[in-house]
N, C-alpha and C. Protein backbone atom coordinates (compact mmCIF):
# COMPACT_ATOMS: atom_id res chain seq x y z
N MET A 1 184.63 -138.65 -148.37
CA MET A 1 184.29 -138.09 -147.61
C MET A 1 182.82 -137.34 -148.30
N SER A 2 181.88 -137.29 -147.11
CA SER A 2 180.70 -136.39 -147.63
C SER A 2 181.03 -135.06 -147.91
N ASP A 3 179.95 -134.42 -149.03
CA ASP A 3 180.21 -133.31 -149.48
C ASP A 3 179.58 -132.67 -148.61
N ASP A 4 178.30 -133.19 -147.65
CA ASP A 4 177.84 -132.43 -146.47
C ASP A 4 178.56 -131.62 -145.85
N LEU A 5 179.76 -132.04 -145.37
CA LEU A 5 180.27 -131.76 -144.05
C LEU A 5 181.95 -130.63 -144.29
N LYS A 6 181.58 -130.14 -143.93
CA LYS A 6 182.42 -128.72 -144.08
C LYS A 6 183.66 -128.59 -142.75
N ILE A 7 184.50 -128.69 -143.09
CA ILE A 7 185.81 -128.69 -142.24
C ILE A 7 185.70 -127.21 -141.60
N GLU A 8 185.47 -126.81 -140.33
CA GLU A 8 185.94 -125.57 -139.63
C GLU A 8 187.05 -125.53 -138.97
N LYS A 9 187.59 -124.25 -138.91
CA LYS A 9 189.27 -124.36 -138.09
C LYS A 9 188.99 -123.65 -137.16
N ASN A 10 189.66 -123.76 -135.90
CA ASN A 10 189.83 -122.95 -134.92
C ASN A 10 188.25 -122.17 -134.24
N VAL A 11 187.16 -123.03 -134.11
CA VAL A 11 186.22 -122.86 -133.51
C VAL A 11 186.33 -123.56 -132.17
N LYS A 12 186.12 -122.75 -130.95
CA LYS A 12 186.64 -123.13 -129.40
C LYS A 12 185.70 -123.88 -128.93
N VAL A 13 185.77 -125.14 -128.53
CA VAL A 13 184.99 -125.90 -127.61
C VAL A 13 184.81 -125.11 -126.37
N PRO A 14 183.34 -125.08 -126.41
CA PRO A 14 182.54 -124.57 -125.37
C PRO A 14 183.05 -125.31 -123.75
N GLU A 15 182.88 -124.62 -122.97
CA GLU A 15 183.34 -125.18 -121.48
C GLU A 15 182.17 -126.25 -121.23
N GLY A 16 182.97 -127.26 -120.59
CA GLY A 16 181.80 -128.26 -120.07
C GLY A 16 180.99 -127.71 -119.15
N ARG A 17 180.07 -128.70 -119.21
CA ARG A 17 178.91 -128.34 -118.01
C ARG A 17 179.15 -128.58 -116.54
N LYS A 18 179.11 -127.89 -115.66
CA LYS A 18 179.72 -128.56 -114.47
C LYS A 18 178.14 -128.82 -113.50
N ARG A 19 177.46 -129.18 -113.86
CA ARG A 19 175.95 -129.28 -113.38
C ARG A 19 176.15 -130.01 -111.89
N SER A 20 176.77 -130.89 -111.47
CA SER A 20 176.68 -131.30 -110.13
C SER A 20 177.40 -130.51 -109.20
N GLU A 21 178.48 -129.91 -109.61
CA GLU A 21 178.70 -128.71 -108.90
C GLU A 21 178.18 -127.63 -108.82
N LYS A 22 177.33 -127.26 -109.61
CA LYS A 22 176.17 -126.20 -109.25
C LYS A 22 175.17 -126.53 -108.44
N TYR A 23 174.91 -127.88 -108.08
CA TYR A 23 173.80 -128.46 -107.15
C TYR A 23 174.24 -129.38 -106.10
N PHE A 24 175.51 -129.95 -106.11
CA PHE A 24 175.77 -130.33 -104.90
C PHE A 24 177.31 -129.95 -104.53
N PRO A 25 177.37 -129.68 -103.16
CA PRO A 25 178.53 -129.23 -102.53
C PRO A 25 179.65 -130.06 -102.22
N TRP A 26 179.53 -130.90 -102.80
CA TRP A 26 181.11 -131.98 -102.44
C TRP A 26 182.17 -131.31 -102.02
N LEU A 27 182.68 -130.62 -102.73
CA LEU A 27 184.02 -130.37 -102.99
C LEU A 27 184.20 -129.41 -101.89
N GLU A 28 182.90 -128.77 -101.47
CA GLU A 28 182.82 -128.03 -99.86
C GLU A 28 182.91 -128.43 -99.07
N MET A 29 182.78 -130.03 -98.68
CA MET A 29 182.33 -130.54 -97.61
C MET A 29 183.88 -131.10 -96.65
N THR A 30 183.27 -131.67 -95.54
CA THR A 30 184.07 -132.11 -95.45
C THR A 30 183.60 -133.28 -94.40
N LEU A 31 184.28 -134.02 -93.54
CA LEU A 31 183.48 -135.34 -93.11
C LEU A 31 182.79 -134.74 -91.73
N GLY A 32 181.37 -135.41 -92.21
CA GLY A 32 180.08 -135.16 -91.00
C GLY A 32 179.48 -134.05 -91.27
N ASP A 33 179.99 -133.64 -92.82
CA ASP A 33 178.85 -132.35 -93.27
C ASP A 33 177.91 -132.64 -93.84
N SER A 34 176.41 -132.44 -94.17
CA SER A 34 175.23 -132.71 -94.82
C SER A 34 174.65 -131.91 -95.37
N PHE A 35 173.64 -132.12 -96.26
CA PHE A 35 172.64 -131.67 -96.99
C PHE A 35 171.27 -132.47 -97.37
N THR A 36 170.52 -131.80 -97.47
CA THR A 36 169.26 -132.31 -97.70
C THR A 36 168.69 -131.63 -99.40
N VAL A 37 168.19 -133.11 -99.82
CA VAL A 37 167.45 -133.08 -101.20
C VAL A 37 166.29 -133.20 -101.47
N THR A 38 165.42 -132.99 -102.05
CA THR A 38 163.82 -133.55 -102.35
C THR A 38 163.71 -134.42 -103.35
N GLY A 39 163.31 -135.65 -103.17
CA GLY A 39 163.35 -136.75 -104.13
C GLY A 39 164.02 -137.85 -104.25
N LYS A 40 163.67 -139.25 -104.40
CA LYS A 40 164.83 -139.89 -104.71
C LYS A 40 165.68 -139.59 -105.67
N VAL A 41 165.23 -139.19 -107.10
CA VAL A 41 165.90 -139.12 -108.20
C VAL A 41 167.10 -138.28 -107.63
N GLN A 42 166.86 -136.86 -106.94
CA GLN A 42 167.79 -135.91 -106.78
C GLN A 42 169.26 -136.76 -105.61
N ALA A 43 168.67 -137.40 -104.72
CA ALA A 43 169.28 -138.33 -104.05
C ALA A 43 170.27 -139.12 -105.03
N THR A 44 169.39 -139.86 -105.56
CA THR A 44 170.43 -140.70 -106.80
C THR A 44 171.72 -139.45 -107.63
N SER A 45 171.41 -138.78 -107.80
CA SER A 45 172.24 -137.57 -108.79
C SER A 45 173.19 -137.16 -107.82
N ALA A 46 172.66 -137.08 -106.45
CA ALA A 46 173.87 -136.46 -106.04
C ALA A 46 174.69 -137.28 -105.52
N ARG A 47 174.39 -138.83 -105.37
CA ARG A 47 175.39 -139.74 -104.85
C ARG A 47 176.20 -139.71 -105.80
N GLY A 48 175.44 -140.10 -106.88
CA GLY A 48 176.44 -140.34 -108.56
C GLY A 48 177.66 -139.44 -108.79
N SER A 49 176.81 -138.00 -108.17
CA SER A 49 178.56 -137.05 -108.66
C SER A 49 179.30 -137.31 -107.23
N PHE A 50 178.86 -137.62 -106.42
CA PHE A 50 179.82 -138.22 -105.46
C PHE A 50 180.93 -139.10 -105.90
N LEU A 51 180.57 -139.67 -106.35
CA LEU A 51 181.34 -140.98 -107.07
C LEU A 51 182.33 -140.49 -108.28
N ARG A 52 181.28 -139.58 -109.17
CA ARG A 52 182.37 -139.30 -110.15
C ARG A 52 183.73 -138.32 -109.53
N TYR A 53 183.18 -137.63 -108.62
CA TYR A 53 184.14 -136.68 -108.23
C TYR A 53 185.74 -137.76 -107.24
N GLN A 54 184.79 -139.12 -107.08
CA GLN A 54 185.99 -139.73 -106.34
C GLN A 54 186.90 -140.51 -107.24
N ARG A 55 185.69 -140.62 -108.58
CA ARG A 55 186.88 -140.95 -109.84
C ARG A 55 187.76 -140.24 -110.24
N MET A 56 187.37 -138.78 -110.24
CA MET A 56 188.60 -138.17 -110.21
C MET A 56 189.32 -137.74 -109.19
N ASP A 57 189.54 -138.27 -108.60
CA ASP A 57 190.78 -137.86 -107.09
C ASP A 57 190.15 -136.52 -106.61
N LEU A 58 189.09 -136.04 -106.41
CA LEU A 58 188.65 -134.53 -105.89
C LEU A 58 188.14 -134.99 -104.50
N ILE A 59 187.58 -136.50 -104.04
CA ILE A 59 187.16 -136.57 -102.82
C ILE A 59 187.93 -137.70 -102.75
N PRO A 60 188.58 -137.94 -101.44
CA PRO A 60 189.28 -139.03 -100.85
C PRO A 60 188.52 -140.47 -100.84
N LYS A 61 189.13 -141.65 -101.33
CA LYS A 61 188.65 -142.80 -101.71
C LYS A 61 187.86 -143.50 -100.25
N ASP A 62 188.59 -143.12 -98.83
CA ASP A 62 187.90 -143.41 -97.94
C ASP A 62 186.42 -142.90 -97.27
N TRP A 63 186.05 -141.98 -98.21
CA TRP A 63 185.18 -141.40 -97.96
C TRP A 63 183.75 -141.71 -98.58
N ILE A 64 182.76 -142.11 -97.81
CA ILE A 64 181.60 -142.57 -98.30
C ILE A 64 180.20 -141.43 -98.11
N VAL A 65 178.76 -141.77 -98.71
CA VAL A 65 178.05 -140.99 -98.54
C VAL A 65 176.92 -141.63 -97.95
N VAL A 66 176.35 -141.36 -96.44
CA VAL A 66 175.05 -141.74 -96.22
C VAL A 66 173.98 -141.31 -96.18
N GLN A 67 173.02 -142.04 -96.72
CA GLN A 67 171.84 -141.38 -96.93
C GLN A 67 170.62 -141.80 -96.29
N ARG A 68 169.94 -140.79 -95.52
CA ARG A 68 168.75 -141.03 -94.71
C ARG A 68 167.64 -140.09 -95.32
N ARG A 69 166.30 -140.99 -95.27
CA ARG A 69 164.84 -140.14 -95.32
C ARG A 69 164.99 -139.41 -93.98
N VAL A 70 164.39 -138.02 -93.93
CA VAL A 70 164.27 -136.98 -93.02
C VAL A 70 163.24 -137.52 -92.35
N GLU A 71 163.28 -137.53 -90.96
CA GLU A 71 161.86 -137.85 -90.72
C GLU A 71 160.62 -137.36 -90.43
N SER A 72 159.76 -137.63 -90.61
CA SER A 72 158.40 -137.01 -90.75
C SER A 72 158.71 -136.20 -92.16
N THR A 73 158.89 -136.77 -92.73
CA THR A 73 158.83 -136.17 -94.48
C THR A 73 158.56 -137.65 -95.26
N GLU A 74 158.04 -137.16 -96.50
CA GLU A 74 158.13 -138.16 -96.95
C GLU A 74 158.86 -138.37 -98.37
N ASN A 75 159.31 -137.50 -98.76
CA ASN A 75 159.94 -137.02 -99.51
C ASN A 75 161.64 -136.38 -99.98
N THR A 76 161.88 -136.14 -98.50
CA THR A 76 163.20 -135.73 -97.95
C THR A 76 164.32 -136.28 -97.40
N TYR A 77 165.51 -136.05 -98.29
CA TYR A 77 166.77 -137.45 -98.17
C TYR A 77 167.62 -136.44 -97.59
N ARG A 78 168.81 -136.52 -96.51
CA ARG A 78 169.55 -136.00 -95.83
C ARG A 78 171.25 -136.93 -96.39
N LEU A 79 171.96 -136.14 -97.27
CA LEU A 79 173.01 -136.96 -97.32
C LEU A 79 174.43 -136.70 -96.10
N TRP A 80 174.95 -137.34 -95.99
CA TRP A 80 176.48 -136.89 -95.01
C TRP A 80 177.45 -137.64 -95.84
N ILE A 81 178.52 -136.76 -95.55
CA ILE A 81 180.20 -137.13 -95.62
C ILE A 81 180.24 -138.13 -94.69
N GLY A 82 180.63 -139.20 -94.86
CA GLY A 82 181.31 -140.36 -93.60
C GLY A 82 182.84 -140.96 -93.95
N ILE A 83 182.72 -142.00 -93.31
CA ILE A 83 184.35 -142.78 -93.48
C ILE A 83 183.93 -144.03 -93.72
N LYS A 84 184.69 -144.79 -94.44
CA LYS A 84 184.64 -146.23 -94.34
C LYS A 84 184.82 -146.56 -93.03
N LYS A 85 184.05 -147.81 -92.82
CA LYS A 85 184.11 -148.46 -91.48
C LYS A 85 185.67 -148.60 -91.12
N ASP A 86 186.12 -149.31 -92.12
CA ASP A 86 187.41 -150.01 -91.85
C ASP A 86 188.82 -148.90 -91.50
N HIS A 87 188.42 -147.40 -91.57
CA HIS A 87 189.22 -146.74 -91.26
C HIS A 87 188.84 -145.70 -89.85
């Protein structure tokens, strides 16, 4: 073992970052609800956070995200919660 590494006991683990909760309101939404974001990167990030919540079983598996560019804008996107067509 390296002499440079010192074992420390009883150091608390900091709270995990809840970045997507801070930015995207998925857990507060229901079918048909929507919000807008500016930029393709934000839209991609929002979709990714939705999928993470689904993997954690916090959002129903038959829900989907529908994304469309807002008319008469270049870089604003609206994201809705929808349901899979086979339901």
